[in-house]
Protein backbone atom coordinates (compact mmCIF):
# COMPACT_ATOMS: atom_id res chain seq x y z
CA MET A 1 -47.35 36.64 -6.80
CA SER A 2 -49.99 34.74 -4.89
CA VAL A 3 -51.72 36.31 -1.89
CA LEU A 4 -51.38 32.90 -0.25
CA LYS A 5 -47.92 32.50 1.25
CA THR A 6 -47.69 28.71 1.21
CA GLU A 7 -46.36 26.52 -1.55
CA PRO A 8 -49.15 24.71 -3.41
CA VAL A 9 -49.26 20.96 -2.77
CA ALA A 10 -51.23 17.96 -3.97
CA ALA A 11 -54.02 16.88 -1.61
CA GLU A 12 -55.55 13.51 -0.87
CA ILE A 13 -58.98 13.04 0.72
CA ASP A 14 -59.93 9.55 1.93
CA GLY A 15 -57.28 8.01 -0.32
CA GLN A 16 -58.37 9.92 -3.44
CA GLN A 17 -56.34 12.59 -5.22
CA LEU A 18 -58.27 15.86 -4.96
CA LYS A 19 -58.95 17.80 -8.13
CA CYS A 20 -60.49 21.24 -8.05
CA LEU A 21 -64.24 21.07 -8.61
CA MET A 22 -64.09 24.09 -10.91
CA CYS A 23 -60.95 23.71 -13.04
CA HIS A 24 -59.64 20.20 -12.19
CA HIS A 25 -56.25 21.57 -11.10
CA GLU A 26 -54.38 19.39 -8.57
CA ALA A 27 -52.38 21.87 -6.46
CA PHE A 28 -53.78 23.61 -3.38
CA HIS A 29 -52.89 25.93 -0.52
CA LYS A 30 -54.01 24.54 2.85
CA ARG A 31 -55.57 26.90 5.42
CA ARG A 32 -57.09 26.36 8.86
CA SER A 33 -60.37 28.10 9.49
CA HIS A 34 -63.25 28.28 11.90
CA ILE A 35 -66.93 28.13 11.03
CA ASP A 36 -68.84 30.83 12.89
CA VAL A 37 -72.53 30.36 12.26
CA ALA A 38 -74.75 33.35 12.96
CA LEU A 39 -77.75 31.08 13.44
CA SER A 40 -75.89 28.54 15.58
CA SER A 41 -78.66 28.47 18.19
CA ALA A 42 -81.08 27.18 15.56
CA MET A 43 -78.61 24.60 14.30
CA ASN A 44 -77.01 21.52 15.78
CA PRO A 45 -74.49 22.88 18.34
CA ASP A 46 -72.12 19.98 17.56
CA TRP A 47 -71.79 21.34 14.01
CA ALA A 48 -71.58 25.04 14.78
CA ASP A 49 -68.25 26.72 15.57
CA ARG A 50 -66.13 23.73 14.54
CA GLN A 51 -62.53 23.80 13.44
CA THR A 52 -62.23 23.37 9.70
CA TYR A 53 -59.61 23.47 7.04
CA CYS A 54 -59.85 24.58 3.47
CA LEU A 55 -57.86 23.87 0.36
CA VAL A 56 -57.61 26.81 -2.01
CA CYS A 57 -57.00 25.91 -5.65
CA ASP A 58 -53.68 27.35 -6.81
CA HIS A 59 -55.06 27.90 -10.32
CA CYS A 60 -58.55 29.40 -9.94
CA GLY A 61 -58.85 30.16 -6.20
CA PHE A 62 -61.92 27.98 -5.61
CA ILE A 63 -62.12 27.12 -1.88
CA HIS A 64 -62.84 23.52 -0.86
CA TRP A 65 -63.98 23.32 2.81
CA PHE A 66 -63.54 20.28 5.06
CA MET A 67 -64.62 19.79 8.68
CA SER A 68 -62.20 18.19 11.12
CA LYS A 69 -63.31 14.89 12.58
């Protein structure tokens, strides 16, 4: 049983079917996340602490991160 409690789904990014970068699987669990950058004061504040989402490969668990626009 998966630790992730969602059903895996296909994902599309900018009109392209997403395939896992590690295993080329095409089913993912979608999660919302938040980037907390320890060095945010040294970085662009517009980038730091932004809402993100990630797609976790249902096969190998590789996490693909995407920033919200």
